[in-house]
Amino acid sequence: MRSRAHRRRPATGHGLHVPGPDRAAFLRDSRRPFAESNLITSRILWLRGLEPGVNRGGQVDTYDRYVYIHGTNHEDRIGEPLSAGCVLTRNLDIIELYERVRVGDLVWITD
């Protein structure tokens, strides 16, 4: 099992409501057709890697690659490969996590 250390950066999404099926999400992965897009639908925790060569610097930099922890419009597919690198959560879960994890807090991601 690998763990990777990150620090939470300022994020976006505070004050937005979880969209229902009749509301548009506010950001999508433009590399996929819209119906398949992994929409960011509630909150984002933007991470800064702390391990040079592992998740900080060069081609592996978490921050520069826009790797987030975020809610998704595909909650039924949580646990399946769907993202280009982000950690996907259920919308209500990320809203709770967003409120608990402060900017500057350490975040460990374990696979």
PDB file of N, CA and C in Angstrom:
ATOM      1  N   MET A   1       0.837  -1.162   0.000  1.00  0.00           N
ATOM      2  CA  MET A   1       0.000   0.000   0.000  1.00  0.00           C
ATOM      3  C   MET A   1       0.893   1.240   0.000  1.00  0.00           C
ATOM      4  N   ARG A   2       0.631   2.172  -0.909  1.00  0.00           N
ATOM      5  CA  ARG A   2       1.395   3.410  -0.990  1.00  0.00           C
ATOM      6  C   ARG A   2       0.601   4.552  -0.372  1.00  0.00           C
ATOM      7  N   SER A   3       1.288   5.433   0.291  1.00  0.00           N
ATOM      8  CA  SER A   3       0.678   6.668   0.793  1.00  0.00           C
ATOM      9  C   SER A   3       1.421   7.832   0.176  1.00  0.00           C
ATOM     10  N   ARG A   4       0.718   8.891  -0.076  1.00  0.00           N
ATOM     11  CA  ARG A   4       1.320  10.091  -0.629  1.00  0.00           C
ATOM     12  C   ARG A   4       0.881  11.280   0.205  1.00  0.00           C
ATOM     13  N   ALA A   5       1.844  12.110   0.593  1.00  0.00           N
ATOM     14  CA  ALA A   5       1.556  13.282   1.409  1.00  0.00           C
ATOM     15  C   ALA A   5       1.257  14.489   0.531  1.00  0.00           C
ATOM     16  N   HIS A   6       0.224  15.211   0.899  1.00  0.00           N
ATOM     17  CA  HIS A   6      -0.171  16.438   0.223  1.00  0.00           C
ATOM     18  C   HIS A   6      -0.563  17.462   1.281  1.00  0.00           C
ATOM     19  N   ARG A   7      -0.657  18.702   0.854  1.00  0.00           N
ATOM     20  CA  ARG A   7      -1.171  19.756   1.721  1.00  0.00           C
ATOM     21  C   ARG A   7      -2.320  20.424   0.976  1.00  0.00           C
ATOM     22  N   ARG A   8      -3.407  20.699   1.697  1.00  0.00           N
ATOM     23  CA  ARG A   8      -4.559  21.333   1.054  1.00  0.00           C
ATOM     24  C   ARG A   8      -4.231  22.767   0.688  1.00  0.00           C
ATOM     25  N   ARG A   9      -4.581  23.141  -0.522  1.00  0.00           N
ATOM     26  CA  ARG A   9      -4.428  24.493  -1.044  1.00  0.00           C
ATOM     27  C   ARG A   9      -5.782  25.180  -0.996  1.00  0.00           C
ATOM     28  N   PRO A  10      -5.823  26.499  -1.202  1.00  0.00           N
ATOM     29  CA  PRO A  10      -7.124  27.157  -1.303  1.00  0.00           C
ATOM     30  C   PRO A  10      -7.967  26.467  -2.370  1.00  0.00           C
ATOM     31  N   ALA A  11      -9.237  26.342  -2.102  1.00  0.00           N
ATOM     32  CA  ALA A  11     -10.115  25.567  -2.978  1.00  0.00           C
ATOM     33  C   ALA A  11     -11.254  26.430  -3.485  1.00  0.00           C
ATOM     34  N   THR A  12     -12.112  25.814  -4.258  1.00  0.00           N
ATOM     35  CA  THR A  12     -13.264  26.507  -4.802  1.00  0.00           C
ATOM     36  C   THR A  12     -14.511  25.669  -4.558  1.00  0.00           C
ATOM     37  N   GLY A  13     -15.637  26.290  -4.717  1.00  0.00           N
ATOM     38  CA  GLY A  13     -16.894  25.577  -4.580  1.00  0.00           C
ATOM     39  C   GLY A  13     -17.663  25.933  -3.336  1.00  0.00           C
ATOM     40  N   HIS A  14     -17.061  26.684  -2.411  1.00  0.00           N
ATOM     41  CA  HIS A  14     -17.762  27.026  -1.173  1.00  0.00           C
ATOM     42  C   HIS A  14     -19.028  27.815  -1.494  1.00  0.00           C
ATOM     43  N   GLY A  15     -20.120  27.422  -0.898  1.00  0.00           N
ATOM     44  CA  GLY A  15     -21.380  28.121  -1.086  1.00  0.00           C
ATOM     45  C   GLY A  15     -22.203  27.614  -2.251  1.00  0.00           C
ATOM     46  N   LEU A  16     -21.649  26.744  -3.076  1.00  0.00           N
ATOM     47  CA  LEU A  16     -22.427  26.172  -4.169  1.00  0.00           C
ATOM     48  C   LEU A  16     -23.285  25.041  -3.635  1.00  0.00           C
ATOM     49  N   HIS A  17     -24.428  24.875  -4.226  1.00  0.00           N
ATOM     50  CA  HIS A  17     -25.320  23.797  -3.837  1.00  0.00           C
ATOM     51  C   HIS A  17     -25.044  22.569  -4.683  1.00  0.00           C
ATOM     52  N   VAL A  18     -25.332  21.393  -4.148  1.00  0.00           N
ATOM     53  CA  VAL A  18     -25.185  20.168  -4.934  1.00  0.00           C
ATOM     54  C   VAL A  18     -26.230  20.214  -6.030  1.00  0.00           C
ATOM     55  N   PRO A  19     -25.823  20.159  -7.286  1.00  0.00           N
ATOM     56  CA  PRO A  19     -26.794  20.277  -8.368  1.00  0.00           C
ATOM     57  C   PRO A  19     -27.651  19.029  -8.498  1.00  0.00           C
ATOM     58  N   GLY A  20     -28.883  19.241  -8.819  1.00  0.00           N
ATOM     59  CA  GLY A  20     -29.783  18.141  -9.133  1.00  0.00           C
ATOM     60  C   GLY A  20     -29.715  17.854 -10.614  1.00  0.00           C
ATOM     61  N   PRO A  21     -30.503  16.904 -11.103  1.00  0.00           N
ATOM     62  CA  PRO A  21     -30.435  16.537 -12.519  1.00  0.00           C
ATOM     63  C   PRO A  21     -30.827  17.672 -13.452  1.00  0.00           C
ATOM     64  N   ASP A  22     -31.533  18.681 -12.934  1.00  0.00           N
ATOM     65  CA  ASP A  22     -31.962  19.791 -13.778  1.00  0.00           C
ATOM     66  C   ASP A  22     -31.019  20.989 -13.713  1.00  0.00           C
ATOM     67  N   ARG A  23     -29.921  20.867 -12.956  1.00  0.00           N
ATOM     68  CA  ARG A  23     -28.958  21.966 -12.835  1.00  0.00           C
ATOM     69  C   ARG A  23     -27.656  21.603 -13.530  1.00  0.00           C
ATOM     70  N   ALA A  24     -26.981  22.598 -14.049  1.00  0.00           N
ATOM     71  CA  ALA A  24     -25.700  22.351 -14.720  1.00  0.00           C
ATOM     72  C   ALA A  24     -24.572  22.344 -13.702  1.00  0.00           C
ATOM     73  N   ALA A  25     -23.608  21.504 -13.924  1.00  0.00           N
ATOM     74  CA  ALA A  25     -22.393  21.520 -13.107  1.00  0.00           C
ATOM     75  C   ALA A  25     -21.505  22.645 -13.609  1.00  0.00           C
ATOM     76  N   PHE A  26     -20.492  23.007 -12.824  1.00  0.00           N
ATOM     77  CA  PHE A  26     -19.739  24.190 -13.197  1.00  0.00           C
ATOM     78  C   PHE A  26     -18.396  23.942 -13.839  1.00  0.00           C
ATOM     79  N   LEU A  27     -17.927  22.705 -13.921  1.00  0.00           N
ATOM     80  CA  LEU A  27     -16.640  22.445 -14.554  1.00  0.00           C
ATOM     81  C   LEU A  27     -16.637  21.030 -15.089  1.00  0.00           C
ATOM     82  N   ARG A  28     -16.059  20.817 -16.240  1.00  0.00           N
ATOM     83  CA  ARG A  28     -16.026  19.463 -16.781  1.00  0.00           C
ATOM     84  C   ARG A  28     -14.695  19.189 -17.445  1.00  0.00           C
ATOM     85  N   ASP A  29     -14.405  17.910 -17.588  1.00  0.00           N
ATOM     86  CA  ASP A  29     -13.204  17.464 -18.285  1.00  0.00           C
ATOM     87  C   ASP A  29     -13.504  17.543 -19.777  1.00  0.00           C
ATOM     88  N   SER A  30     -12.928  18.515 -20.443  1.00  0.00           N
ATOM     89  CA  SER A  30     -13.253  18.761 -21.851  1.00  0.00           C
ATOM     90  C   SER A  30     -12.629  17.741 -22.793  1.00  0.00           C
ATOM     91  N   ARG A  31     -11.858  16.787 -22.268  1.00  0.00           N
ATOM     92  CA  ARG A  31     -11.245  15.781 -23.132  1.00  0.00           C
ATOM     93  C   ARG A  31     -12.213  14.655 -23.465  1.00  0.00           C
ATOM     94  N   ARG A  32     -13.386  14.646 -22.858  1.00  0.00           N
ATOM     95  CA  ARG A  32     -14.350  13.569 -23.087  1.00  0.00           C
ATOM     96  C   ARG A  32     -15.650  14.158 -23.624  1.00  0.00           C
ATOM     97  N   PRO A  33     -16.446  13.351 -24.353  1.00  0.00           N
ATOM     98  CA  PRO A  33     -17.772  13.835 -24.757  1.00  0.00           C
ATOM     99  C   PRO A  33     -18.578  14.229 -23.522  1.00  0.00           C
ATOM    100  N   PHE A  34     -19.463  15.213 -23.653  1.00  0.00           N
ATOM    101  CA  PHE A  34     -20.174  15.759 -22.501  1.00  0.00           C
ATOM    102  C   PHE A  34     -20.866  14.687 -21.664  1.00  0.00           C
ATOM    103  N   ALA A  35     -21.548  13.745 -22.288  1.00  0.00           N
ATOM    104  CA  ALA A  35     -22.288  12.719 -21.539  1.00  0.00           C
ATOM    105  C   ALA A  35     -21.369  11.858 -20.685  1.00  0.00           C
ATOM    106  N   GLU A  36     -20.119  11.697 -21.113  1.00  0.00           N
ATOM    107  CA  GLU A  36     -19.168  10.879 -20.368  1.00  0.00           C
ATOM    108  C   GLU A  36     -18.287  11.718 -19.441  1.00  0.00           C
ATOM    109  N   SER A  37     -18.381  13.022 -19.552  1.00  0.00           N
ATOM    110  CA  SER A  37     -17.491  13.889 -18.785  1.00  0.00           C
ATOM    111  C   SER A  37     -17.654  13.688 -17.296  1.00  0.00           C
ATOM    112  N   ASN A  38     -16.545  13.794 -16.622  1.00  0.00           N
ATOM    113  CA  ASN A  38     -16.513  13.730 -15.177  1.00  0.00           C
ATOM    114  C   ASN A  38     -16.680  15.161 -14.669  1.00  0.00           C
ATOM    115  N   LEU A  39     -17.905  15.557 -14.389  1.00  0.00           N
ATOM    116  CA  LEU A  39     -18.186  16.923 -13.968  1.00  0.00           C
ATOM    117  C   LEU A  39     -17.826  17.118 -12.505  1.00  0.00           C
ATOM    118  N   ILE A  40     -17.278  18.258 -12.206  1.00  0.00           N
ATOM    119  CA  ILE A  40     -17.035  18.642 -10.820  1.00  0.00           C
ATOM    120  C   ILE A  40     -18.298  19.359 -10.371  1.00  0.00           C
ATOM    121  N   THR A  41     -19.031  18.739  -9.455  1.00  0.00           N
ATOM    122  CA  THR A  41     -20.384  19.186  -9.186  1.00  0.00           C
ATOM    123  C   THR A  41     -20.616  19.800  -7.817  1.00  0.00           C
ATOM    124  N   SER A  42     -19.632  19.865  -6.963  1.00  0.00           N
ATOM    125  CA  SER A  42     -19.890  20.453  -5.648  1.00  0.00           C
ATOM    126  C   SER A  42     -18.673  21.195  -5.120  1.00  0.00           C
ATOM    127  N   ARG A  43     -17.696  20.508  -4.534  1.00  0.00           N
ATOM    128  CA  ARG A  43     -16.536  21.142  -3.936  1.00  0.00           C
ATOM    129  C   ARG A  43     -15.247  20.558  -4.524  1.00  0.00           C
ATOM    130  N   ILE A  44     -14.173  21.324  -4.371  1.00  0.00           N
ATOM    131  CA  ILE A  44     -12.845  20.889  -4.804  1.00  0.00           C
ATOM    132  C   ILE A  44     -11.874  21.097  -3.651  1.00  0.00           C
ATOM    133  N   LEU A  45     -11.101  20.075  -3.346  1.00  0.00           N
ATOM    134  CA  LEU A  45      -9.916  20.242  -2.507  1.00  0.00           C
ATOM    135  C   LEU A  45      -8.736  20.146  -3.452  1.00  0.00           C
ATOM    136  N   TRP A  46      -8.021  21.248  -3.601  1.00  0.00           N
ATOM    137  CA  TRP A  46      -6.856  21.290  -4.491  1.00  0.00           C
ATOM    138  C   TRP A  46      -5.640  20.977  -3.649  1.00  0.00           C
ATOM    139  N   LEU A  47      -4.811  20.078  -4.111  1.00  0.00           N
ATOM    140  CA  LEU A  47      -3.705  19.551  -3.320  1.00  0.00           C
ATOM    141  C   LEU A  47      -2.347  19.999  -3.856  1.00  0.00           C
ATOM    142  N   ARG A  48      -1.410  20.160  -2.951  1.00  0.00           N
ATOM    143  CA  ARG A  48      -0.013  20.418  -3.308  1.00  0.00           C
ATOM    144  C   ARG A  48       0.800  19.245  -2.787  1.00  0.00           C
ATOM    145  N   GLY A  49       1.456  18.514  -3.682  1.00  0.00           N
ATOM    146  CA  GLY A  49       2.287  17.391  -3.277  1.00  0.00           C
ATOM    147  C   GLY A  49       3.466  17.848  -2.435  1.00  0.00           C
ATOM    148  N   LEU A  50       3.917  16.976  -1.538  1.00  0.00           N
ATOM    149  CA  LEU A  50       5.026  17.312  -0.639  1.00  0.00           C
ATOM    150  C   LEU A  50       6.263  16.457  -0.867  1.00  0.00           C
ATOM    151  N   GLU A  51       6.207  15.531  -1.822  1.00  0.00           N
ATOM    152  CA  GLU A  51       7.308  14.593  -2.029  1.00  0.00           C
ATOM    153  C   GLU A  51       7.941  14.829  -3.402  1.00  0.00           C
ATOM    154  N   PRO A  52       9.093  15.542  -3.451  1.00  0.00           N
ATOM    155  CA  PRO A  52       9.747  15.818  -4.736  1.00  0.00           C
ATOM    156  C   PRO A  52       9.990  14.532  -5.539  1.00  0.00           C
ATOM    157  N   GLY A  53       9.628  14.605  -6.819  1.00  0.00           N
ATOM    158  CA  GLY A  53       9.803  13.465  -7.709  1.00  0.00           C
ATOM    159  C   GLY A  53       8.700  12.428  -7.604  1.00  0.00           C
ATOM    160  N   VAL A  54       7.850  12.523  -6.607  1.00  0.00           N
ATOM    161  CA  VAL A  54       6.745  11.580  -6.424  1.00  0.00           C
ATOM    162  C   VAL A  54       5.412  12.265  -6.728  1.00  0.00           C
ATOM    163  N   ASN A  55       5.171  13.411  -6.111  1.00  0.00           N
ATOM    164  CA  ASN A  55       3.944  14.158  -6.369  1.00  0.00           C
ATOM    165  C   ASN A  55       4.205  15.674  -6.369  1.00  0.00           C
ATOM    166  N   ARG A  56       5.483  16.033  -6.457  1.00  0.00           N
ATOM    167  CA  ARG A  56       5.859  17.445  -6.524  1.00  0.00           C
ATOM    168  C   ARG A  56       6.987  17.624  -7.535  1.00  0.00           C
ATOM    169  N   GLY A  57       6.791  18.584  -8.436  1.00  0.00           N
ATOM    170  CA  GLY A  57       7.806  18.895  -9.441  1.00  0.00           C
ATOM    171  C   GLY A  57       7.645  18.097 -10.721  1.00  0.00           C
ATOM    172  N   GLY A  58       8.051  18.687 -11.806  1.00  0.00           N
ATOM    173  CA  GLY A  58       8.062  18.010 -13.108  1.00  0.00           C
ATOM    174  C   GLY A  58       6.699  17.485 -13.534  1.00  0.00           C
ATOM    175  N   GLN A  59       6.729  16.337 -14.196  1.00  0.00           N
ATOM    176  CA  GLN A  59       5.517  15.730 -14.749  1.00  0.00           C
ATOM    177  C   GLN A  59       4.608  15.102 -13.702  1.00  0.00           C
ATOM    178  N   VAL A  60       5.073  14.985 -12.472  1.00  0.00           N
ATOM    179  CA  VAL A  60       4.270  14.313 -11.426  1.00  0.00           C
ATOM    180  C   VAL A  60       3.623  15.307 -10.465  1.00  0.00           C
ATOM    181  N   ASP A  61       3.757  16.599 -10.694  1.00  0.00           N
ATOM    182  CA  ASP A  61       3.296  17.593  -9.738  1.00  0.00           C
ATOM    183  C   ASP A  61       1.769  17.621  -9.621  1.00  0.00           C
ATOM    184  N   THR A  62       1.295  17.281  -8.441  1.00  0.00           N
ATOM    185  CA  THR A  62      -0.145  17.216  -8.183  1.00  0.00           C
ATOM    186  C   THR A  62      -0.810  18.562  -8.432  1.00  0.00           C
ATOM    187  N   TYR A  63      -0.211  19.620  -7.941  1.00  0.00           N
ATOM    188  CA  TYR A  63      -0.791  20.960  -8.057  1.00  0.00           C
ATOM    189  C   TYR A  63      -0.821  21.432  -9.508  1.00  0.00           C
ATOM    190  N   ASP A  64       0.301  21.324 -10.191  1.00  0.00           N
ATOM    191  CA  ASP A  64       0.382  21.787 -11.579  1.00  0.00           C
ATOM    192  C   ASP A  64      -0.466  20.961 -12.530  1.00  0.00           C
ATOM    193  N   ARG A  65      -0.758  19.713 -12.168  1.00  0.00           N
ATOM    194  CA  ARG A  65      -1.593  18.831 -13.010  1.00  0.00           C
ATOM    195  C   ARG A  65      -3.071  18.960 -12.663  1.00  0.00           C
ATOM    196  N   TYR A  66      -3.415  19.855 -11.741  1.00  0.00           N
ATOM    197  CA  TYR A  66      -4.811  20.080 -11.338  1.00  0.00           C
ATOM    198  C   TYR A  66      -5.468  18.810 -10.812  1.00  0.00           C
ATOM    199  N   VAL A  67      -4.759  18.119  -9.947  1.00  0.00           N
ATOM    200  CA  VAL A  67      -5.314  16.928  -9.297  1.00  0.00           C
ATOM    201  C   VAL A  67      -6.106  17.397  -8.086  1.00  0.00           C
ATOM    202  N   TYR A  68      -7.381  17.034  -8.059  1.00  0.00           N
ATOM    203  CA  TYR A  68      -8.296  17.458  -7.005  1.00  0.00           C
ATOM    204  C   TYR A  68      -8.895  16.248  -6.300  1.00  0.00           C
ATOM    205  N   ILE A  69      -9.446  16.507  -5.136  1.00  0.00           N
ATOM    206  CA  ILE A  69     -10.452  15.629  -4.544  1.00  0.00           C
ATOM    207  C   ILE A  69     -11.753  16.377  -4.781  1.00  0.00           C
ATOM    208  N   HIS A  70     -12.712  15.743  -5.446  1.00  0.00           N
ATOM    209  CA  HIS A  70     -13.951  16.469  -5.766  1.00  0.00           C
ATOM    210  C   HIS A  70     -15.136  15.539  -5.923  1.00  0.00           C
ATOM    211  N   GLY A  71     -16.323  16.147  -5.821  1.00  0.00           N
ATOM    212  CA  GLY A  71     -17.564  15.434  -6.097  1.00  0.00           C
ATOM    213  C   GLY A  71     -17.722  15.237  -7.594  1.00  0.00           C
ATOM    214  N   THR A  72     -18.587  14.314  -7.959  1.00  0.00           N
ATOM    215  CA  THR A  72     -18.748  13.969  -9.378  1.00  0.00           C
ATOM    216  C   THR A  72     -20.215  13.744  -9.725  1.00  0.00           C
ATOM    217  N   ASN A  73     -20.513  13.863 -10.993  1.00  0.00           N
ATOM    218  CA  ASN A  73     -21.847  13.539 -11.492  1.00  0.00           C
ATOM    219  C   ASN A  73     -22.020  12.043 -11.710  1.00  0.00           C
ATOM    220  N   HIS A  74     -20.988  11.261 -11.500  1.00  0.00           N
ATOM    221  CA  HIS A  74     -21.040   9.803 -11.687  1.00  0.00           C
ATOM    222  C   HIS A  74     -20.891   9.089 -10.343  1.00  0.00           C
ATOM    223  N   GLU A  75     -21.698   9.476  -9.372  1.00  0.00           N
ATOM    224  CA  GLU A  75     -21.593   8.861  -8.045  1.00  0.00           C
ATOM    225  C   GLU A  75     -21.812   7.348  -8.093  1.00  0.00           C
ATOM    226  N   ASP A  76     -22.577   6.873  -9.051  1.00  0.00           N
ATOM    227  CA  ASP A  76     -22.834   5.436  -9.188  1.00  0.00           C
ATOM    228  C   ASP A  76     -21.591   4.673  -9.649  1.00  0.00           C
ATOM    229  N   ARG A  77     -20.545   5.397 -10.054  1.00  0.00           N
ATOM    230  CA  ARG A  77     -19.325   4.740 -10.538  1.00  0.00           C
ATOM    231  C   ARG A  77     -18.134   4.941  -9.609  1.00  0.00           C
ATOM    232  N   ILE A  78     -18.377   5.422  -8.391  1.00  0.00           N
ATOM    233  CA  ILE A  78     -17.299   5.576  -7.414  1.00  0.00           C
ATOM    234  C   ILE A  78     -16.621   4.219  -7.221  1.00  0.00           C
ATOM    235  N   GLY A  79     -15.297   4.212  -7.251  1.00  0.00           N
ATOM    236  CA  GLY A  79     -14.538   2.972  -7.114  1.00  0.00           C
ATOM    237  C   GLY A  79     -14.073   2.403  -8.441  1.00  0.00           C
ATOM    238  N   GLU A  80     -14.601   2.920  -9.548  1.00  0.00           N
ATOM    239  CA  GLU A  80     -14.177   2.495 -10.885  1.00  0.00           C
ATOM    240  C   GLU A  80     -13.185   3.520 -11.443  1.00  0.00           C
ATOM    241  N   PRO A  81     -12.273   3.096 -12.322  1.00  0.00           N
ATOM    242  CA  PRO A  81     -11.397   4.073 -12.979  1.00  0.00           C
ATOM    243  C   PRO A  81     -12.247   5.013 -13.836  1.00  0.00           C
ATOM    244  N   LEU A  82     -12.217   6.284 -13.531  1.00  0.00           N
ATOM    245  CA  LEU A  82     -13.049   7.247 -14.256  1.00  0.00           C
ATOM    246  C   LEU A  82     -12.312   8.558 -14.486  1.00  0.00           C
ATOM    247  N   SER A  83     -11.408   8.886 -13.605  1.00  0.00           N
ATOM    248  CA  SER A  83     -10.748  10.182 -13.621  1.00  0.00           C
ATOM    249  C   SER A  83      -9.371  10.096 -14.269  1.00  0.00           C
ATOM    250  N   ALA A  84      -8.891  11.247 -14.702  1.00  0.00           N
ATOM    251  CA  ALA A  84      -7.537  11.339 -15.243  1.00  0.00           C
ATOM    252  C   ALA A  84      -6.511  11.578 -14.141  1.00  0.00           C
ATOM    253  N   GLY A  85      -6.910  11.404 -12.899  1.00  0.00           N
ATOM    254  CA  GLY A  85      -5.970  11.567 -11.791  1.00  0.00           C
ATOM    255  C   GLY A  85      -6.604  12.057 -10.506  1.00  0.00           C
ATOM    256  N   CYS A  86      -7.803  12.594 -10.584  1.00  0.00           N
ATOM    257  CA  CYS A  86      -8.458  13.116  -9.391  1.00  0.00           C
ATOM    258  C   CYS A  86      -8.982  11.985  -8.512  1.00  0.00           C
ATOM    259  N   VAL A  87      -9.237  12.338  -7.262  1.00  0.00           N
ATOM    260  CA  VAL A  87      -9.888  11.429  -6.329  1.00  0.00           C
ATOM    261  C   VAL A  87     -11.354  11.838  -6.305  1.00  0.00           C
ATOM    262  N   LEU A  88     -12.227  10.950  -6.759  1.00  0.00           N
ATOM    263  CA  LEU A  88     -13.650  11.259  -6.853  1.00  0.00           C
ATOM    264  C   LEU A  88     -14.385  10.797  -5.605  1.00  0.00           C
ATOM    265  N   THR A  89     -15.348  11.608  -5.170  1.00  0.00           N
ATOM    266  CA  THR A  89     -16.155  11.272  -4.013  1.00  0.00           C
ATOM    267  C   THR A  89     -17.620  11.545  -4.322  1.00  0.00           C
ATOM    268  N   ARG A  90     -18.474  11.054  -3.449  1.00  0.00           N
ATOM    269  CA  ARG A  90     -19.875  11.442  -3.510  1.00  0.00           C
ATOM    270  C   ARG A  90     -19.956  12.912  -3.099  1.00  0.00           C
ATOM    271  N   ASN A  91     -20.912  13.635  -3.651  1.00  0.00           N
ATOM    272  CA  ASN A  91     -21.011  15.067  -3.403  1.00  0.00           C
ATOM    273  C   ASN A  91     -21.203  15.404  -1.935  1.00  0.00           C
ATOM    274  N   LEU A  92     -22.059  14.695  -1.252  1.00  0.00           N
ATOM    275  CA  LEU A  92     -22.268  14.991   0.164  1.00  0.00           C
ATOM    276  C   LEU A  92     -21.019  14.700   0.984  1.00  0.00           C
ATOM    277  N   ASP A  93     -20.242  13.701   0.578  1.00  0.00           N
ATOM    278  CA  ASP A  93     -18.998  13.383   1.289  1.00  0.00           C
ATOM    279  C   ASP A  93     -17.961  14.493   1.130  1.00  0.00           C
ATOM    280  N   ILE A  94     -17.818  15.037  -0.084  1.00  0.00           N
ATOM    281  CA  ILE A  94     -16.813  16.084  -0.277  1.00  0.00           C
ATOM    282  C   ILE A  94     -17.238  17.374   0.400  1.00  0.00           C
ATOM    283  N   ILE A  95     -18.526  17.629   0.470  1.00  0.00           N
ATOM    284  CA  ILE A  95     -18.994  18.825   1.182  1.00  0.00           C
ATOM    285  C   ILE A  95     -18.607  18.722   2.655  1.00  0.00           C
ATOM    286  N   GLU A  96     -18.795  17.557   3.251  1.00  0.00           N
ATOM    287  CA  GLU A  96     -18.410  17.358   4.647  1.00  0.00           C
ATOM    288  C   GLU A  96     -16.892  17.457   4.813  1.00  0.00           C
ATOM    289  N   LEU A  97     -16.143  16.809   3.918  1.00  0.00           N
ATOM    290  CA  LEU A  97     -14.685  16.846   3.998  1.00  0.00           C
ATOM    291  C   LEU A  97     -14.163  18.265   3.825  1.00  0.00           C
ATOM    292  N   TYR A  98     -14.749  18.999   2.904  1.00  0.00           N
ATOM    293  CA  TYR A  98     -14.355  20.388   2.632  1.00  0.00           C
ATOM    294  C   TYR A  98     -14.454  21.236   3.900  1.00  0.00           C
ATOM    295  N   GLU A  99     -15.499  21.004   4.672  1.00  0.00           N
ATOM    296  CA  GLU A  99     -15.704  21.765   5.903  1.00  0.00           C
ATOM    297  C   GLU A  99     -14.718  21.364   7.002  1.00  0.00           C
ATOM    298  N   ARG A 100     -14.215  20.131   6.955  1.00  0.00           N
ATOM    299  CA  ARG A 100     -13.323  19.625   7.996  1.00  0.00           C
ATOM    300  C   ARG A 100     -11.845  19.892   7.740  1.00  0.00           C
ATOM    301  N   VAL A 101     -11.431  19.844   6.487  1.00  0.00           N
ATOM    302  CA  VAL A 101     -10.015  19.987   6.134  1.00  0.00           C
ATOM    303  C   VAL A 101      -9.746  21.450   5.803  1.00  0.00           C
ATOM    304  N   ARG A 102      -8.895  22.073   6.607  1.00  0.00           N
ATOM    305  CA  ARG A 102      -8.582  23.490   6.427  1.00  0.00           C
ATOM    306  C   ARG A 102      -7.428  23.661   5.436  1.00  0.00           C
ATOM    307  N   VAL A 103      -7.337  24.829   4.848  1.00  0.00           N
ATOM    308  CA  VAL A 103      -6.209  25.164   3.980  1.00  0.00           C
ATOM    309  C   VAL A 103      -4.934  25.001   4.804  1.00  0.00           C
ATOM    310  N   GLY A 104      -3.960  24.272   4.258  1.00  0.00           N
ATOM    311  CA  GLY A 104      -2.695  24.012   4.930  1.00  0.00           C
ATOM    312  C   GLY A 104      -2.648  22.683   5.664  1.00  0.00           C
ATOM    313  N   ASP A 105      -3.810  22.051   5.888  1.00  0.00           N
ATOM    314  CA  ASP A 105      -3.825  20.736   6.548  1.00  0.00           C
ATOM    315  C   ASP A 105      -3.135  19.700   5.679  1.00  0.00           C
ATOM    316  N   LEU A 106      -2.508  18.715   6.336  1.00  0.00           N
ATOM    317  CA  LEU A 106      -1.913  17.600   5.606  1.00  0.00           C
ATOM    318  C   LEU A 106      -2.999  16.623   5.168  1.00  0.00           C
ATOM    319  N   VAL A 107      -2.867  16.118   3.959  1.00  0.00           N
ATOM    320  CA  VAL A 107      -3.806  15.144   3.397  1.00  0.00           C
ATOM    321  C   VAL A 107      -2.985  13.943   2.931  1.00  0.00           C
ATOM    322  N   TRP A 108      -3.305  12.767   3.432  1.00  0.00           N
ATOM    323  CA  TRP A 108      -2.640  11.529   3.004  1.00  0.00           C
ATOM    324  C   TRP A 108      -3.577  10.766   2.091  1.00  0.00           C
ATOM    325  N   ILE A 109      -3.083  10.402   0.925  1.00  0.00           N
ATOM    326  CA  ILE A 109      -3.865   9.586  -0.006  1.00  0.00           C
ATOM    327  C   ILE A 109      -3.196   8.230  -0.058  1.00  0.00           C
ATOM    328  N   THR A 110      -3.956   7.201   0.237  1.00  0.00           N
ATOM    329  CA  THR A 110      -3.446   5.846   0.268  1.00  0.00           C
ATOM    330  C   THR A 110      -4.186   5.004  -0.743  1.00  0.00           C
ATOM    331  N   ASP A 111      -3.437   4.236  -1.527  1.00  0.00           N
ATOM    332  CA  ASP A 111      -4.103   3.315  -2.469  1.00  0.00           C
ATOM    333  C   ASP A 111      -3.804   1.889  -2.116  1.00  0.00           C
TER     334      ASP A 111
END
